Protein backbone atom coordinates (compact mmCIF):
# COMPACT_ATOMS: atom_id res chain seq x y z
CA MET A 1 -12.07 -26.26 -78.39
CA VAL A 2 -10.13 -24.01 -80.74
CA GLU A 3 -7.49 -26.68 -81.32
CA GLU A 4 -10.10 -29.34 -82.23
CA THR A 5 -11.79 -26.95 -84.64
CA ILE A 6 -8.47 -26.23 -86.33
CA ASN A 7 -7.69 -29.96 -86.59
CA PHE A 8 -11.14 -30.61 -88.05
CA LEU A 9 -10.76 -27.93 -90.69
CA THR A 10 -7.23 -28.84 -91.61
CA SER A 11 -7.89 -32.59 -91.71
CA GLU A 12 -11.00 -32.18 -93.84
CA HIS A 13 -9.74 -29.71 -96.39
CA GLN A 14 -5.98 -30.10 -96.19
CA PRO A 15 -5.09 -33.48 -94.67
CA HIS A 16 -1.36 -32.82 -94.87
CA LEU A 17 -1.74 -29.77 -92.57
CA ALA A 18 -3.49 -31.66 -89.73
CA LEU A 19 -2.06 -30.69 -86.36
CA PRO A 20 -1.04 -33.55 -84.10
CA THR A 21 -3.02 -33.78 -80.92
CA THR A 22 -0.98 -33.83 -77.76
CA ASN A 23 -3.61 -35.09 -75.34
CA LYS A 24 -4.01 -38.68 -76.68
CA VAL A 25 -3.87 -41.62 -74.23
CA PHE A 26 -2.38 -45.04 -75.10
CA CYS A 27 -2.94 -48.40 -73.46
CA PRO A 28 -0.01 -49.25 -71.22
CA ARG A 29 -0.21 -52.98 -72.21
CA CYS A 30 -0.67 -53.02 -75.96
CA GLY A 31 -0.11 -49.38 -76.89
CA ALA A 32 -3.44 -49.00 -78.66
CA PRO A 33 -4.76 -45.43 -78.80
CA LEU A 34 -7.61 -44.70 -76.44
CA SER A 35 -10.31 -42.16 -76.66
CA PRO A 36 -10.77 -39.77 -73.77
CA ASN A 37 -13.87 -41.60 -72.55
CA ASP A 38 -12.49 -45.17 -72.72
CA THR A 39 -12.22 -46.98 -69.40
CA ILE A 40 -11.29 -50.36 -70.96
CA CYS A 41 -8.83 -50.89 -73.80
CA PRO A 42 -10.82 -52.04 -76.91
CA MET A 43 -7.84 -54.09 -78.12
CA CYS A 44 -6.65 -56.04 -75.05
CA GLY A 45 -9.44 -55.43 -72.50
CA MET A 46 -7.17 -53.92 -69.89
CA LYS A 47 -8.95 -51.69 -67.41
CA ILE A 48 -7.71 -48.17 -67.71
CA SER A 49 -7.39 -46.16 -64.55
CA ARG A 50 -7.41 -42.46 -65.13
CA PRO A 51 -6.52 -39.82 -62.59
CA GLN A 52 -9.58 -38.28 -61.13
CA GLN A 53 -10.06 -34.69 -62.00
CA PRO A 54 -10.36 -32.51 -58.94
CA VAL A 55 -13.87 -31.43 -58.39
CA GLY A 56 -14.08 -27.71 -57.81
CA THR A 57 -15.43 -26.74 -54.43
CA LEU A 58 -16.53 -23.39 -53.32
CA GLN A 59 -14.29 -22.01 -50.63
CA GLN A 60 -15.95 -20.17 -47.86
CA PRO A 61 -14.52 -16.70 -47.48
CA VAL A 62 -12.29 -16.57 -44.45
CA ASN A 63 -12.97 -13.56 -42.36
CA PRO A 64 -9.91 -12.04 -40.66
CA PRO A 65 -9.87 -12.50 -36.89
CA THR A 66 -11.40 -9.59 -35.18
CA THR A 67 -10.39 -8.45 -31.74
CA PRO A 68 -13.29 -7.96 -29.36
CA GLN A 69 -13.94 -4.29 -28.92
CA MET A 70 -14.26 -3.05 -25.41
CA SER A 71 -17.41 -1.19 -24.74
CA GLN A 72 -16.50 2.44 -24.36
CA GLN A 73 -17.92 3.78 -21.15
CA PRO A 74 -18.39 7.48 -20.72
CA PRO A 75 -15.75 9.09 -18.49
CA GLN A 76 -16.73 9.23 -14.86
CA GLN A 77 -17.74 12.69 -13.80
CA PRO A 78 -15.94 14.03 -10.72
CA PRO A 79 -18.18 14.22 -7.64
CA GLN A 80 -19.52 17.60 -6.65
CA LEU A 81 -18.51 19.00 -3.30
CA LEU A 82 -21.25 20.87 -1.49
CA THR A 83 -19.01 21.95 1.38
CA CYS A 84 -15.27 22.38 1.82
CA PRO A 85 -13.76 19.23 3.42
CA ASN A 86 -11.37 21.40 5.41
CA CYS A 87 -13.42 24.28 6.84
CA GLY A 88 -17.01 23.23 6.01
CA HIS A 89 -17.77 26.37 3.98
CA SER A 90 -20.75 26.00 1.59
CA LEU A 91 -19.64 25.86 -2.06
CA ASP A 92 -22.09 27.47 -4.48
CA ASP A 93 -19.96 27.02 -7.62
CA PRO A 94 -19.06 23.35 -8.34
CA THR A 95 -16.17 24.39 -10.62
CA LEU A 96 -14.12 26.07 -7.88
CA LYS A 97 -10.56 24.78 -7.66
CA TYR A 98 -9.78 26.18 -4.23
CA CYS A 99 -11.93 27.04 -1.25
CA PRO A 100 -12.45 30.82 -1.10
CA ILE A 101 -12.29 30.76 2.70
CA CYS A 102 -9.38 28.47 3.62
CA GLY A 103 -7.76 27.89 0.23
CA PHE A 104 -8.13 24.09 0.41
CA ASN A 105 -7.36 22.24 -2.85
CA LEU A 106 -10.83 21.10 -3.97
CA GLU A 107 -9.56 19.41 -7.14
CA ALA A 108 -7.38 17.07 -5.10
CA ALA A 109 -10.35 16.24 -2.88
CA ARG A 110 -12.50 15.41 -5.93
CA ARG A 111 -9.81 13.13 -7.36
CA GLN A 112 -9.61 11.26 -4.08
CA LEU A 113 -13.38 10.81 -3.91
CA MET A 114 -13.67 9.30 -7.43
CA PRO A 115 -11.90 5.94 -6.72
CA ALA A 116 -13.58 5.76 -3.32
CA MET A 117 -17.05 6.13 -4.89
CA ALA A 118 -16.27 3.57 -7.61
CA LYS A 119 -15.08 1.05 -5.03
CA ARG A 120 -18.03 1.64 -2.74
CA SER A 121 -20.48 0.75 -5.55
CA PHE A 122 -19.14 -2.84 -5.59
CA GLU A 123 -19.12 -3.37 -1.85
CA TYR A 124 -22.13 -4.33 0.24
CA TYR A 125 -20.83 -3.97 3.76
CA GLY A 126 -19.11 -0.62 3.59
CA ARG A 127 -15.46 0.36 3.45
CA LYS A 128 -12.93 0.45 6.24
CA GLN A 129 -11.94 4.03 6.91
CA LYS A 130 -8.26 4.89 7.23
CA PHE A 131 -7.08 6.51 10.43
CA PHE A 132 -4.77 8.96 8.63
CA SER A 133 -5.72 10.83 5.48
CA PHE A 134 -2.78 12.77 4.05
CA GLU A 135 -4.42 15.21 1.63
CA GLY A 136 -1.31 17.38 1.81
CA TYR A 137 0.59 15.04 -0.51
CA ASN A 138 -1.51 16.39 -3.41
CA ILE A 139 -0.88 20.05 -2.54
CA GLU A 140 2.08 21.82 -4.04
CA GLY A 141 4.84 22.64 -1.55
CA VAL A 142 3.27 21.05 1.53
CA PRO A 143 5.25 17.75 1.38
CA PHE A 144 8.49 19.72 1.11
CA LEU A 145 7.56 21.83 4.13
CA ALA A 146 6.69 18.70 6.11
CA GLY A 147 10.04 17.22 5.11
CA LEU A 148 11.88 20.24 6.49
CA LEU A 149 10.00 19.94 9.77
CA ILE A 150 10.83 16.25 10.06
CA LEU A 151 14.49 16.97 9.27
CA LEU A 152 14.72 19.58 12.00
CA GLY A 153 12.79 17.32 14.39
CA VAL A 154 15.27 14.47 13.86
CA TRP A 155 18.13 16.88 14.46
CA ASN A 156 16.56 17.96 17.75
CA PHE A 157 16.12 14.31 18.75
CA PHE A 158 19.82 13.88 18.10
CA ALA A 159 20.55 16.90 20.33
CA TRP A 160 18.30 15.44 23.04
CA ILE A 161 20.18 12.13 23.12
CA MET A 162 23.62 13.73 22.99
CA SER A 163 22.71 16.13 25.80
CA LEU A 164 21.71 13.25 28.08
CA THR A 165 24.92 11.34 27.37
CA GLY A 166 27.16 14.38 27.81
CA GLY A 167 28.22 14.53 24.19
CA LEU A 168 26.77 18.03 23.73
CA ALA A 169 26.89 21.07 25.99
CA ILE A 170 24.39 23.50 24.45
CA TRP A 171 23.68 26.93 25.88
CA ILE A 172 20.04 28.11 25.99
CA PRO A 173 19.17 31.60 27.31
CA GLY A 174 17.44 31.54 30.70
CA PHE A 175 18.49 27.98 31.61
CA PRO A 176 20.80 27.26 34.59
CA ALA A 177 24.48 26.86 33.83
CA GLY A 178 25.91 23.44 33.21
CA PRO A 179 28.87 21.67 34.82
CA TYR A 180 32.29 23.27 34.38
CA GLY A 181 30.48 26.48 33.41
CA VAL A 182 29.93 25.26 29.83
CA GLY A 183 26.49 25.44 28.28
CA SER A 184 23.27 24.95 30.21
CA GLU A 185 22.17 22.23 32.60
CA PRO A 186 22.06 18.98 30.51
CA THR A 187 18.70 17.69 31.77
CA SER A 188 16.92 20.98 31.04
CA VAL A 189 18.51 21.16 27.58
CA ALA A 190 17.49 17.56 26.85
CA ILE A 191 13.87 18.24 27.86
CA PHE A 192 13.80 21.37 25.71
CA TYR A 193 15.02 19.58 22.57
CA LEU A 194 12.73 16.61 23.19
CA VAL A 195 9.71 18.91 23.32
CA MET A 196 10.85 20.77 20.20
CA ALA A 197 11.48 17.55 18.26
CA SER A 198 8.10 16.07 19.15
CA LEU A 199 6.32 19.30 18.26
CA LEU A 200 8.07 19.54 14.89
CA ILE A 201 7.28 15.97 13.85
CA PHE A 202 3.64 16.17 14.94
CA SER A 203 3.37 19.48 13.09
CA ALA A 204 4.68 17.79 9.94
CA LEU A 205 2.01 15.10 10.18
CA GLY A 206 -0.62 17.77 10.78
CA LEU A 207 0.48 19.67 7.67
CA LEU A 208 0.10 16.53 5.55
CA MET A 209 -3.45 16.22 6.91
CA VAL A 210 -3.99 19.93 6.08
CA LYS A 211 -4.67 20.97 9.68
CA THR A 212 -4.41 24.71 10.27
CA PRO A 213 -3.22 24.44 13.94
CA ALA A 214 -0.25 22.39 12.75
CA PHE A 215 0.68 25.21 10.37
CA TYR A 216 0.67 27.73 13.22
CA ALA A 217 2.68 25.41 15.46
CA SER A 218 5.38 24.79 12.86
CA LEU A 219 5.66 28.49 12.08
CA LEU A 220 5.92 29.35 15.78
CA VAL A 221 8.68 26.80 16.38
CA ALA A 222 10.66 28.07 13.40
CA ILE A 223 10.34 31.68 14.56
CA ILE A 224 11.52 30.76 18.08
CA LEU A 225 14.52 28.82 16.77
CA VAL A 226 15.85 31.73 14.70
CA PRO A 227 16.78 34.05 17.63
CA LEU A 228 17.74 31.06 19.77
CA SER A 229 20.20 29.88 17.12
CA ILE A 230 21.63 33.39 16.73
CA PHE A 231 22.23 33.62 20.50
CA GLN A 232 23.93 30.21 20.45
CA ILE A 233 26.34 31.37 17.74
CA ILE A 234 27.07 34.60 19.64
CA TYR A 235 27.69 32.60 22.82
CA ALA A 236 30.00 30.21 20.94
CA THR A 237 32.09 33.04 19.50
CA THR A 238 32.29 35.30 22.57
CA GLY A 239 31.96 33.01 25.60
CA SER A 240 34.68 31.18 27.49
CA PHE A 241 34.94 27.43 27.00
CA PRO A 242 37.17 25.71 29.54
CA SER A 243 38.39 22.24 28.78
CA THR A 244 36.16 19.42 30.03
CA PRO A 245 36.53 15.62 29.89
CA SER A 246 34.32 15.64 26.77
CA GLY A 247 35.96 18.68 25.10
CA THR A 248 35.31 22.40 24.96
CA HIS A 249 31.94 22.08 23.16
CA GLN A 250 32.43 25.37 21.35
CA MET A 251 31.73 23.81 17.94
CA ASP A 252 28.59 22.16 19.36
CA ASN A 253 26.92 25.52 19.84
CA ILE A 254 28.12 26.88 16.48
CA LEU A 255 26.82 23.81 14.63
CA MET A 256 23.46 23.80 16.42
CA GLY A 257 23.06 27.51 15.74
CA LEU A 258 23.83 27.22 12.01
CA VAL A 259 21.51 24.25 11.51
CA GLY A 260 18.73 26.00 13.41
CA ILE A 261 19.07 29.23 11.38
CA PHE A 262 19.18 27.70 7.91
CA THR A 263 16.45 25.15 8.58
CA SER A 264 14.18 27.69 10.27
CA PHE A 265 14.54 30.17 7.41
CA GLY A 266 13.68 27.41 4.95
CA ILE A 267 10.57 26.53 6.97
CA ILE A 268 9.47 30.18 7.16
CA LEU A 269 9.93 30.77 3.41
CA GLN A 270 8.11 27.55 2.54
CA SER A 271 5.32 28.47 4.97
CA LEU A 272 4.83 31.77 3.14
CA ARG A 273 4.49 29.79 -0.08
CA THR A 274 1.92 27.33 1.25
CA GLN A 275 0.01 29.61 3.63
CA ARG A 276 -2.91 29.95 1.17
CA TYR A 277 -3.87 26.31 1.83
CA PHE A 278 -4.21 26.93 5.56
CA LEU A 279 -5.11 30.61 5.90
CA GLY A 280 -6.96 31.23 2.62
CA ALA A 281 -4.92 34.38 1.99
CA GLY A 282 -4.32 34.62 -1.74
CA ARG A 283 -4.99 32.29 -4.62
CA PRO A 284 -2.46 30.21 -6.55
C-alpha cells in the first residue's frame, strides 16, 4: 500500500523518479505483462495458473495433556479398642499406647486391625482366620528374646541326639552315673535335654503370640540352666575322666556349661527388658 502510493506520487509529479515494481507477472509464452487479476493473457490467450494463496484457518488451541487426578480419600482412622486384646481390661482412653494392666502394645494391635477391617469390607462371606497370630513381631525386643530361646532349644536338641548316640557324656546333678563312671546315664540325660529343648521352642512361639505363661516358662528354664551349667563346669574341671572308646568327654561338659551360662544370662537380661509386655510392670 505504501509502495503503490509512493509510485503514484512519483510517477505523477516526477516521472523520472518512479520506483520499479517488483511484483509484476509476465506471460510465460509471449512475455506480455499481466495485471495481478488476469487469469488469461490478453496478448496470446494463454491461461495463467497462479499459485493459490493459503487461506488462513483458525487453529484450535491445543490443551496440554492432563493427567487424571486421583481422588484424595481422607486417611483411614485407626480402629478404637474397647478392651485389651491380651488381658481383656476395659480401655477408657482410646489414645493409650500400652495397656495399663498387662503392658500390651495397643498401637501394634490397631495397625493390625486396619488392613483386616479394610479387607473385610470387600468380602461377603467372611475371612479365614489364621491359626497363629504373632503379635510379638511388632513389639520391641520380643523377637530377639524368642530367637535366643530357639537357639538354646536347638542346642539342647543337639545334646539330646548326641547323648543317645554316645557322642556326649554330660553330667547332671541327681542323675545316675553313666558307663565307665563318666557323666550321667545317657538315656536320662537325653530325656532331660529333649524336654528342655521342646519347652524352650514352645516358649519362643508363645512369646511371639504374647502369652504370659510362655514368658514365665522361658524365664524358669533360663534360671534352672544357670546353676546347672555352673555345676557342669565345676564337674569338668575337678572330676576324673577315664578314657572311654568315645573319648574322655571332659570338653563336652565344659562346652555345654559355657553355652548354657551365656545363653541363659542373655535370656534373663532380655526378659527384664521385655517384661512390661507380659507383666505390665513399668512403661516404655
